[in-house]
PDB file of N, CA and C in Angstrom:
ATOM      1  N   MET A   1      -9.747 -14.669  20.206  1.00  0.00           N
ATOM      2  CA  MET A   1      -8.659 -13.832  19.649  1.00  0.00           C
ATOM      3  C   MET A   1      -9.026 -13.479  18.196  1.00  0.00           C
ATOM      4  N   LYS A   2      -9.153 -12.205  17.994  1.00  0.00           N
ATOM      5  CA  LYS A   2      -9.423 -11.718  16.627  1.00  0.00           C
ATOM      6  C   LYS A   2      -8.093 -11.528  15.907  1.00  0.00           C
ATOM      7  N   SER A   3      -8.023 -11.969  14.683  1.00  0.00           N
ATOM      8  CA  SER A   3      -6.803 -11.843  13.897  1.00  0.00           C
ATOM      9  C   SER A   3      -6.384 -10.402  13.768  1.00  0.00           C
ATOM     10  N   ASN A   4      -5.086 -10.121  14.008  1.00  0.00           N
ATOM     11  CA  ASN A   4      -4.618  -8.752  13.876  1.00  0.00           C
ATOM     12  C   ASN A   4      -3.293  -8.678  13.071  1.00  0.00           C
ATOM     13  N   VAL A   5      -2.895  -9.779  12.465  1.00  0.00           N
ATOM     14  CA  VAL A   5      -1.678  -9.815  11.654  1.00  0.00           C
ATOM     15  C   VAL A   5      -2.118 -10.115  10.192  1.00  0.00           C
ATOM     16  N   GLY A   6      -1.851  -9.162   9.317  1.00  0.00           N
ATOM     17  CA  GLY A   6      -2.304  -9.289   7.911  1.00  0.00           C
ATOM     18  C   GLY A   6      -1.248  -9.921   6.978  1.00  0.00           C
ATOM     19  N   GLY A   7      -1.574 -10.023   5.723  1.00  0.00           N
ATOM     20  CA  GLY A   7      -0.815 -10.661   4.675  1.00  0.00           C
ATOM     21  C   GLY A   7       0.702 -10.553   4.681  1.00  0.00           C
ATOM     22  N   ILE A   8       1.233  -9.411   4.334  1.00  0.00           N
ATOM     23  CA  ILE A   8       2.664  -9.230   4.207  1.00  0.00           C
ATOM     24  C   ILE A   8       3.323  -9.386   5.574  1.00  0.00           C
ATOM     25  N   ASP A   9       2.717  -8.869   6.610  1.00  0.00           N
ATOM     26  CA  ASP A   9       3.230  -8.999   7.985  1.00  0.00           C
ATOM     27  C   ASP A   9       3.339 -10.434   8.365  1.00  0.00           C
ATOM     28  N   LYS A  10       2.337 -11.237   8.039  1.00  0.00           N
ATOM     29  CA  LYS A  10       2.295 -12.647   8.374  1.00  0.00           C
ATOM     30  C   LYS A  10       3.445 -13.397   7.667  1.00  0.00           C
ATOM     31  N   ILE A  11       3.610 -13.134   6.370  1.00  0.00           N
ATOM     32  CA  ILE A  11       4.648 -13.778   5.586  1.00  0.00           C
ATOM     33  C   ILE A  11       6.019 -13.407   6.096  1.00  0.00           C
ATOM     34  N   LEU A  12       6.275 -12.144   6.395  1.00  0.00           N
ATOM     35  CA  LEU A  12       7.563 -11.733   6.943  1.00  0.00           C
ATOM     36  C   LEU A  12       7.861 -12.364   8.270  1.00  0.00           C
ATOM     37  N   ARG A  13       6.856 -12.457   9.137  1.00  0.00           N
ATOM     38  CA  ARG A  13       7.081 -13.110  10.431  1.00  0.00           C
ATOM     39  C   ARG A  13       7.454 -14.577  10.283  1.00  0.00           C
ATOM     40  N   ILE A  14       6.760 -15.258   9.380  1.00  0.00           N
ATOM     41  CA  ILE A  14       7.063 -16.678   9.161  1.00  0.00           C
ATOM     42  C   ILE A  14       8.449 -16.879   8.596  1.00  0.00           C
ATOM     43  N   VAL A  15       8.823 -16.042   7.614  1.00  0.00           N
ATOM     44  CA  VAL A  15      10.151 -16.174   6.948  1.00  0.00           C
ATOM     45  C   VAL A  15      11.265 -15.842   7.924  1.00  0.00           C
ATOM     46  N   VAL A  16      11.133 -14.736   8.682  1.00  0.00           N
ATOM     47  CA  VAL A  16      12.149 -14.351   9.649  1.00  0.00           C
ATOM     48  C   VAL A  16      12.290 -15.372  10.735  1.00  0.00           C
ATOM     49  N   GLY A  17      11.167 -15.810  11.293  1.00  0.00           N
ATOM     50  CA  GLY A  17      11.190 -16.799  12.357  1.00  0.00           C
ATOM     51  C   GLY A  17      11.840 -18.104  11.921  1.00  0.00           C
ATOM     52  N   ALA A  18      11.432 -18.628  10.749  1.00  0.00           N
ATOM     53  CA  ALA A  18      12.008 -19.851  10.221  1.00  0.00           C
ATOM     54  C   ALA A  18      13.515 -19.653   9.922  1.00  0.00           C
ATOM     55  N   GLY A  19      13.871 -18.469   9.444  1.00  0.00           N
ATOM     56  CA  GLY A  19      15.276 -18.204   9.129  1.00  0.00           C
ATOM     57  C   GLY A  19      16.161 -18.201  10.380  1.00  0.00           C
ATOM     58  N   LEU A  20      15.648 -17.579  11.460  1.00  0.00           N
ATOM     59  CA  LEU A  20      16.408 -17.534  12.707  1.00  0.00           C
ATOM     60  C   LEU A  20      16.550 -18.953  13.289  1.00  0.00           C
ATOM     61  N   ILE A  21      15.485 -19.722  13.276  1.00  0.00           N
ATOM     62  CA  ILE A  21      15.537 -21.074  13.808  1.00  0.00           C
ATOM     63  C   ILE A  21      16.469 -21.932  12.957  1.00  0.00           C
ATOM     64  N   GLY A  22      16.349 -21.809  11.618  1.00  0.00           N
ATOM     65  CA  GLY A  22      17.207 -22.578  10.740  1.00  0.00           C
ATOM     66  C   GLY A  22      18.671 -22.248  10.884  1.00  0.00           C
ATOM     67  N   ALA A  23      18.977 -20.953  11.036  1.00  0.00           N
ATOM     68  CA  ALA A  23      20.380 -20.521  11.219  1.00  0.00           C
ATOM     69  C   ALA A  23      20.939 -21.045  12.579  1.00  0.00           C
ATOM     70  N   THR A  24      20.086 -21.129  13.573  1.00  0.00           N
ATOM     71  CA  THR A  24      20.528 -21.629  14.866  1.00  0.00           C
ATOM     72  C   THR A  24      20.773 -23.133  14.785  1.00  0.00           C
ATOM     73  N   VAL A  25      19.886 -23.856  14.141  1.00  0.00           N
ATOM     74  CA  VAL A  25      20.068 -25.308  14.005  1.00  0.00           C
ATOM     75  C   VAL A  25      21.312 -25.603  13.185  1.00  0.00           C
ATOM     76  N   ALA A  26      21.613 -24.784  12.166  1.00  0.00           N
ATOM     77  CA  ALA A  26      22.788 -24.976  11.332  1.00  0.00           C
ATOM     78  C   ALA A  26      24.093 -24.571  12.022  1.00  0.00           C
ATOM     79  N   GLY A  27      23.964 -23.916  13.154  1.00  0.00           N
ATOM     80  CA  GLY A  27      25.156 -23.521  13.913  1.00  0.00           C
ATOM     81  C   GLY A  27      25.676 -22.143  13.528  1.00  0.00           C
ATOM     82  N   VAL A  28      24.968 -21.408  12.694  1.00  0.00           N
ATOM     83  CA  VAL A  28      25.414 -20.078  12.306  1.00  0.00           C
ATOM     84  C   VAL A  28      25.158 -19.071  13.422  1.00  0.00           C
ATOM     85  N   LEU A  29      24.030 -19.214  14.131  1.00  0.00           N
ATOM     86  CA  LEU A  29      23.692 -18.338  15.259  1.00  0.00           C
ATOM     87  C   LEU A  29      23.787 -19.111  16.558  1.00  0.00           C
ATOM     88  N   PRO A  30      24.067 -18.405  17.656  1.00  0.00           N
ATOM     89  CA  PRO A  30      24.058 -19.073  18.936  1.00  0.00           C
ATOM     90  C   PRO A  30      22.611 -19.365  19.384  1.00  0.00           C
ATOM     91  N   VAL A  31      22.441 -19.868  20.570  1.00  0.00           N
ATOM     92  CA  VAL A  31      21.158 -20.303  21.061  1.00  0.00           C
ATOM     93  C   VAL A  31      20.085 -19.230  21.089  1.00  0.00           C
ATOM     94  N   TRP A  32      20.475 -17.955  21.133  1.00  0.00           N
ATOM     95  CA  TRP A  32      19.455 -16.881  21.155  1.00  0.00           C
ATOM     96  C   TRP A  32      18.638 -16.871  19.876  1.00  0.00           C
ATOM     97  N   GLY A  33      19.085 -17.529  18.802  1.00  0.00           N
ATOM     98  CA  GLY A  33      18.349 -17.566  17.561  1.00  0.00           C
ATOM     99  C   GLY A  33      17.051 -18.256  17.662  1.00  0.00           C
ATOM    100  N   TYR A  34      16.880 -19.062  18.719  1.00  0.00           N
ATOM    101  CA  TYR A  34      15.565 -19.738  18.929  1.00  0.00           C
ATOM    102  C   TYR A  34      14.490 -18.739  19.296  1.00  0.00           C
ATOM    103  N   ILE A  35      14.782 -17.481  19.466  1.00  0.00           N
ATOM    104  CA  ILE A  35      13.779 -16.451  19.665  1.00  0.00           C
ATOM    105  C   ILE A  35      12.913 -16.358  18.411  1.00  0.00           C
ATOM    106  N   GLY A  36      13.371 -16.935  17.313  1.00  0.00           N
ATOM    107  CA  GLY A  36      12.582 -16.991  16.101  1.00  0.00           C
ATOM    108  C   GLY A  36      11.260 -17.750  16.241  1.00  0.00           C
ATOM    109  N   ILE A  37      11.125 -18.472  17.321  1.00  0.00           N
ATOM    110  CA  ILE A  37       9.857 -19.147  17.614  1.00  0.00           C
ATOM    111  C   ILE A  37       8.746 -18.163  17.757  1.00  0.00           C
ATOM    112  N   VAL A  38       9.052 -16.979  18.339  1.00  0.00           N
ATOM    113  CA  VAL A  38       8.009 -15.977  18.607  1.00  0.00           C
ATOM    114  C   VAL A  38       7.398 -15.447  17.299  1.00  0.00           C
ATOM    115  N   PRO A  39       8.231 -14.889  16.359  1.00  0.00           N
ATOM    116  CA  PRO A  39       7.590 -14.410  15.135  1.00  0.00           C
ATOM    117  C   PRO A  39       6.979 -15.546  14.294  1.00  0.00           C
ATOM    118  N   LEU A  40       7.560 -16.732  14.367  1.00  0.00           N
ATOM    119  CA  LEU A  40       7.018 -17.847  13.593  1.00  0.00           C
ATOM    120  C   LEU A  40       5.618 -18.205  14.161  1.00  0.00           C
ATOM    121  N   ALA A  41       5.481 -18.291  15.466  1.00  0.00           N
ATOM    122  CA  ALA A  41       4.211 -18.641  16.088  1.00  0.00           C
ATOM    123  C   ALA A  41       3.143 -17.562  15.837  1.00  0.00           C
ATOM    124  N   THR A  42       3.516 -16.288  15.973  1.00  0.00           N
ATOM    125  CA  THR A  42       2.543 -15.210  15.761  1.00  0.00           C
ATOM    126  C   THR A  42       2.147 -15.124  14.270  1.00  0.00           C
ATOM    127  N   GLY A  43       3.060 -15.425  13.408  1.00  0.00           N
ATOM    128  CA  GLY A  43       2.714 -15.432  11.979  1.00  0.00           C
ATOM    129  C   GLY A  43       1.765 -16.583  11.622  1.00  0.00           C
ATOM    130  N   LEU A  44       2.001 -17.748  12.219  1.00  0.00           N
ATOM    131  CA  LEU A  44       1.156 -18.924  11.926  1.00  0.00           C
ATOM    132  C   LEU A  44      -0.219 -18.759  12.577  1.00  0.00           C
ATOM    133  N   MET A  45      -0.269 -18.152  13.759  1.00  0.00           N
ATOM    134  CA  MET A  45      -1.556 -17.935  14.444  1.00  0.00           C
ATOM    135  C   MET A  45      -2.318 -16.787  13.848  1.00  0.00           C
ATOM    136  N   GLY A  46      -1.614 -15.805  13.315  1.00  0.00           N
ATOM    137  CA  GLY A  46      -2.289 -14.610  12.775  1.00  0.00           C
ATOM    138  C   GLY A  46      -2.666 -13.629  13.861  1.00  0.00           C
ATOM    139  N   TRP A  47      -2.099 -13.772  15.028  1.00  0.00           N
ATOM    140  CA  TRP A  47      -2.419 -12.889  16.140  1.00  0.00           C
ATOM    141  C   TRP A  47      -1.155 -12.553  16.906  1.00  0.00           C
ATOM    142  N   CYS A  48      -0.940 -11.268  17.138  1.00  0.00           N
ATOM    143  CA  CYS A  48       0.209 -10.801  17.934  1.00  0.00           C
ATOM    144  C   CYS A  48      -0.293 -10.210  19.220  1.00  0.00           C
ATOM    145  N   PRO A  49       0.169 -10.700  20.379  1.00  0.00           N
ATOM    146  CA  PRO A  49      -0.313 -10.153  21.653  1.00  0.00           C
ATOM    147  C   PRO A  49       0.116  -8.724  21.930  1.00  0.00           C
ATOM    148  N   LEU A  50       1.123  -8.244  21.286  1.00  0.00           N
ATOM    149  CA  LEU A  50       1.593  -6.891  21.487  1.00  0.00           C
ATOM    150  C   LEU A  50       0.775  -5.850  20.727  1.00  0.00           C
ATOM    151  N   TYR A  51       0.201  -6.234  19.599  1.00  0.00           N
ATOM    152  CA  TYR A  51      -0.579  -5.283  18.770  1.00  0.00           C
ATOM    153  C   TYR A  51      -1.730  -4.641  19.502  1.00  0.00           C
ATOM    154  N   PRO A  52      -2.572  -5.391  20.257  1.00  0.00           N
ATOM    155  CA  PRO A  52      -3.683  -4.744  20.941  1.00  0.00           C
ATOM    156  C   PRO A  52      -3.206  -3.724  21.981  1.00  0.00           C
ATOM    157  N   LEU A  53      -2.107  -4.021  22.631  1.00  0.00           N
ATOM    158  CA  LEU A  53      -1.555  -3.095  23.618  1.00  0.00           C
ATOM    159  C   LEU A  53      -1.113  -1.788  22.969  1.00  0.00           C
ATOM    160  N   LEU A  54      -0.630  -1.879  21.758  1.00  0.00           N
ATOM    161  CA  LEU A  54      -0.189  -0.688  21.017  1.00  0.00           C
ATOM    162  C   LEU A  54      -1.278  -0.093  20.150  1.00  0.00           C
ATOM    163  N   GLY A  55      -2.426  -0.775  20.053  1.00  0.00           N
ATOM    164  CA  GLY A  55      -3.536  -0.265  19.241  1.00  0.00           C
ATOM    165  C   GLY A  55      -3.284  -0.460  17.780  1.00  0.00           C
ATOM    166  N   LEU A  56      -2.547  -1.484  17.393  1.00  0.00           N
ATOM    167  CA  LEU A  56      -2.201  -1.723  15.996  1.00  0.00           C
ATOM    168  C   LEU A  56      -2.942  -2.938  15.414  1.00  0.00           C
ATOM    169  N   SER A  57      -3.058  -2.965  14.143  1.00  0.00           N
ATOM    170  CA  SER A  57      -3.583  -4.131  13.395  1.00  0.00           C
ATOM    171  C   SER A  57      -3.141  -3.991  11.954  1.00  0.00           C
ATOM    172  N   THR A  58      -2.616  -5.068  11.381  1.00  0.00           N
ATOM    173  CA  THR A  58      -2.251  -5.000   9.972  1.00  0.00           C
ATOM    174  C   THR A  58      -3.215  -5.748   9.078  1.00  0.00           C
ATOM    175  N   CYS A  59      -4.300  -6.256   9.693  1.00  0.00           N
ATOM    176  CA  CYS A  59      -5.336  -6.938   8.918  1.00  0.00           C
ATOM    177  C   CYS A  59      -6.173  -5.885   8.174  1.00  0.00           C
ATOM    178  N   PRO A  60      -6.589  -6.249   6.971  1.00  0.00           N
ATOM    179  CA  PRO A  60      -7.486  -5.323   6.264  1.00  0.00           C
ATOM    180  C   PRO A  60      -8.827  -5.283   6.993  1.00  0.00           C
ATOM    181  N   LEU A  61      -9.472  -4.140   6.877  1.00  0.00           N
ATOM    182  CA  LEU A  61     -10.766  -3.950   7.511  1.00  0.00           C
ATOM    183  C   LEU A  61     -11.840  -4.763   6.827  1.00  0.00           C
ATOM    184  N   LYS A  62     -12.669  -5.429   7.602  1.00  0.00           N
ATOM    185  CA  LYS A  62     -13.790  -6.223   6.991  1.00  0.00           C
ATOM    186  C   LYS A  62     -14.989  -5.345   6.874  1.00  0.00           C
ATOM    187  N   LYS A  63     -15.640  -5.419   5.696  1.00  0.00           N
ATOM    188  CA  LYS A  63     -16.801  -4.555   5.436  1.00  0.00           C
ATOM    189  C   LYS A  63     -18.066  -5.368   5.563  1.00  0.00           C
TER     190      LYS A  63
END
């Protein structure tokens, strides 16, 4: 798996994912908030399975 999630995208995924999970654990959101596992995992791995299907990559080009 080649990395396809770059800097700002990675940080936003981790923050949003952790926020959704945290809000669910705190009781602010219902159980659907655990969907935050998806952006959190893709941010930590640096790879999004949807990006290749759409032909996207937010990683800077390596020279």
